[in-house]
């Protein structure tokens, strides 16, 4: 199951806002790690590649990458479903 990017961002922003109110602001690096830790199995390859990097990806770049990756996963799902439908028609 994939959580929409807007829901993930909204939850993360709420968490960060609550920490600011509690006078303990969260750093962008902490927020990136929090987001990576909360992604589903469809993002395992992404999480491993980002954690293996010497420098942590910026929050802005992570957001853009996750949107692109989500779009890619949706396209692949559509393609597989389309191929499955064609296979059923030919049998």
C-alpha atoms as a PDB file:
ATOM      1  CA  UNK A   1       0.000   0.000   0.000  1.00  0.00           C
ATOM      2  CA  UNK A   2       1.359   3.389  -0.932  1.00  0.00           C
ATOM      3  CA  UNK A   3       0.597   6.503   1.061  1.00  0.00           C
ATOM      4  CA  UNK A   4       0.092   9.570  -1.061  1.00  0.00           C
ATOM      5  CA  UNK A   5       2.984  12.021  -0.997  1.00  0.00           C
ATOM      6  CA  UNK A   6       0.713  14.832   0.173  1.00  0.00           C
ATOM      7  CA  UNK A   7      -0.405  12.787   3.197  1.00  0.00           C
ATOM      8  CA  UNK A   8       3.208  11.962   4.089  1.00  0.00           C
ATOM      9  CA  UNK A   9       4.245  15.599   3.764  1.00  0.00           C
ATOM     10  CA  UNK A  10       1.286  16.768   5.818  1.00  0.00           C
ATOM     11  CA  UNK A  11       2.043  14.331   8.647  1.00  0.00           C
ATOM     12  CA  UNK A  12       5.717  15.258   8.637  1.00  0.00           C
ATOM     13  CA  UNK A  13       4.987  18.978   8.666  1.00  0.00           C
ATOM     14  CA  UNK A  14       2.604  18.505  11.587  1.00  0.00           C
ATOM     15  CA  UNK A  15       5.274  16.606  13.513  1.00  0.00           C
ATOM     16  CA  UNK A  16       7.847  19.299  12.769  1.00  0.00           C
ATOM     17  CA  UNK A  17       5.396  22.064  13.718  1.00  0.00           C
ATOM     18  CA  UNK A  18       4.612  20.356  17.030  1.00  0.00           C
ATOM     19  CA  UNK A  19       8.305  20.116  17.859  1.00  0.00           C
ATOM     20  CA  UNK A  20       8.809  23.807  17.075  1.00  0.00           C
ATOM     21  CA  UNK A  21       5.946  24.708  19.400  1.00  0.00           C
ATOM     22  CA  UNK A  22       7.592  22.570  22.082  1.00  0.00           C
ATOM     23  CA  UNK A  23      10.754  24.675  21.547  1.00  0.00           C
ATOM     24  CA  UNK A  24      12.598  21.718  20.079  1.00  0.00           C
ATOM     25  CA  UNK A  25      12.765  22.381  16.334  1.00  0.00           C
ATOM     26  CA  UNK A  26      13.487  19.405  14.127  1.00  0.00           C
ATOM     27  CA  UNK A  27      16.359  19.632  11.652  1.00  0.00           C
ATOM     28  CA  UNK A  28      15.872  18.939   7.957  1.00  0.00           C
ATOM     29  CA  UNK A  29      18.221  15.939   8.265  1.00  0.00           C
ATOM     30  CA  UNK A  30      16.095  14.488  11.076  1.00  0.00           C
ATOM     31  CA  UNK A  31      12.961  15.061   9.034  1.00  0.00           C
ATOM     32  CA  UNK A  32      14.512  13.338   5.995  1.00  0.00           C
ATOM     33  CA  UNK A  33      15.398  10.311   8.146  1.00  0.00           C
ATOM     34  CA  UNK A  34      11.895  10.305   9.647  1.00  0.00           C
ATOM     35  CA  UNK A  35      10.327  10.348   6.175  1.00  0.00           C
ATOM     36  CA  UNK A  36      12.641   7.605   4.870  1.00  0.00           C
ATOM     37  CA  UNK A  37      11.803   5.463   7.897  1.00  0.00           C
ATOM     38  CA  UNK A  38       8.087   5.789   7.253  1.00  0.00           C
ATOM     39  CA  UNK A  39       8.010   4.809   3.608  1.00  0.00           C
ATOM     40  CA  UNK A  40       6.384   1.536   2.573  1.00  0.00           C
ATOM     41  CA  UNK A  41       7.958  -1.531   0.981  1.00  0.00           C
ATOM     42  CA  UNK A  42       7.618  -0.079  -2.502  1.00  0.00           C
ATOM     43  CA  UNK A  43      10.302   2.408  -1.542  1.00  0.00           C
ATOM     44  CA  UNK A  44      12.839   0.009   0.024  1.00  0.00           C
ATOM     45  CA  UNK A  45      15.321   0.418  -2.835  1.00  0.00           C
ATOM     46  CA  UNK A  46      15.091   4.198  -2.529  1.00  0.00           C
ATOM     47  CA  UNK A  47      15.618   4.175   1.232  1.00  0.00           C
ATOM     48  CA  UNK A  48      18.675   1.932   0.972  1.00  0.00           C
ATOM     49  CA  UNK A  49      20.258   4.098  -1.714  1.00  0.00           C
ATOM     50  CA  UNK A  50      19.708   7.329   0.243  1.00  0.00           C
ATOM     51  CA  UNK A  51      20.966   5.939   3.526  1.00  0.00           C
ATOM     52  CA  UNK A  52      24.070   4.532   1.805  1.00  0.00           C
ATOM     53  CA  UNK A  53      25.043   7.991   0.495  1.00  0.00           C
ATOM     54  CA  UNK A  54      27.894   9.841   2.173  1.00  0.00           C
ATOM     55  CA  UNK A  55      25.800  13.021   2.338  1.00  0.00           C
ATOM     56  CA  UNK A  56      22.117  13.014   3.239  1.00  0.00           C
ATOM     57  CA  UNK A  57      19.748  14.202   0.519  1.00  0.00           C
ATOM     58  CA  UNK A  58      18.102  17.569   1.115  1.00  0.00           C
ATOM     59  CA  UNK A  59      14.454  17.695   2.107  1.00  0.00           C
ATOM     60  CA  UNK A  60      13.625  19.577  -1.106  1.00  0.00           C
ATOM     61  CA  UNK A  61      15.398  17.011  -3.301  1.00  0.00           C
ATOM     62  CA  UNK A  62      13.827  14.103  -1.401  1.00  0.00           C
ATOM     63  CA  UNK A  63      10.357  15.529  -1.975  1.00  0.00           C
ATOM     64  CA  UNK A  64      10.970  15.838  -5.714  1.00  0.00           C
ATOM     65  CA  UNK A  65      12.484  12.378  -5.959  1.00  0.00           C
ATOM     66  CA  UNK A  66       9.612  10.761  -4.066  1.00  0.00           C
ATOM     67  CA  UNK A  67       7.071  12.400  -6.348  1.00  0.00           C
ATOM     68  CA  UNK A  68       8.980  11.110  -9.394  1.00  0.00           C
ATOM     69  CA  UNK A  69       9.332   7.630  -7.905  1.00  0.00           C
ATOM     70  CA  UNK A  70       5.622   7.477  -7.042  1.00  0.00           C
ATOM     71  CA  UNK A  71       4.754   8.453 -10.621  1.00  0.00           C
ATOM     72  CA  UNK A  72       7.117   5.759 -11.927  1.00  0.00           C
ATOM     73  CA  UNK A  73       5.520   3.100  -9.687  1.00  0.00           C
ATOM     74  CA  UNK A  74       2.050   4.125 -10.866  1.00  0.00           C
ATOM     75  CA  UNK A  75       3.150   3.896 -14.505  1.00  0.00           C
ATOM     76  CA  UNK A  76       4.657   0.445 -13.949  1.00  0.00           C
ATOM     77  CA  UNK A  77       1.479  -0.745 -12.209  1.00  0.00           C
ATOM     78  CA  UNK A  78      -0.634   0.487 -15.133  1.00  0.00           C
ATOM     79  CA  UNK A  79       1.670  -1.221 -17.599  1.00  0.00           C
ATOM     80  CA  UNK A  80       1.557  -4.545 -15.749  1.00  0.00           C
ATOM     81  CA  UNK A  81      -2.227  -4.373 -15.431  1.00  0.00           C
ATOM     82  CA  UNK A  82      -2.511  -3.597 -19.140  1.00  0.00           C
ATOM     83  CA  UNK A  83      -0.313  -6.544 -20.044  1.00  0.00           C
ATOM     84  CA  UNK A  84      -2.365  -8.797 -17.766  1.00  0.00           C
ATOM     85  CA  UNK A  85      -5.569  -7.715 -19.492  1.00  0.00           C
ATOM     86  CA  UNK A  86      -4.071  -8.425 -22.915  1.00  0.00           C
ATOM     87  CA  UNK A  87      -2.927 -11.872 -21.783  1.00  0.00           C
ATOM     88  CA  UNK A  88      -6.440 -12.681 -20.567  1.00  0.00           C
ATOM     89  CA  UNK A  89      -7.913 -11.639 -23.921  1.00  0.00           C
ATOM     90  CA  UNK A  90      -5.554 -13.860 -25.898  1.00  0.00           C
ATOM     91  CA  UNK A  91      -6.371 -17.022 -23.933  1.00  0.00           C
END
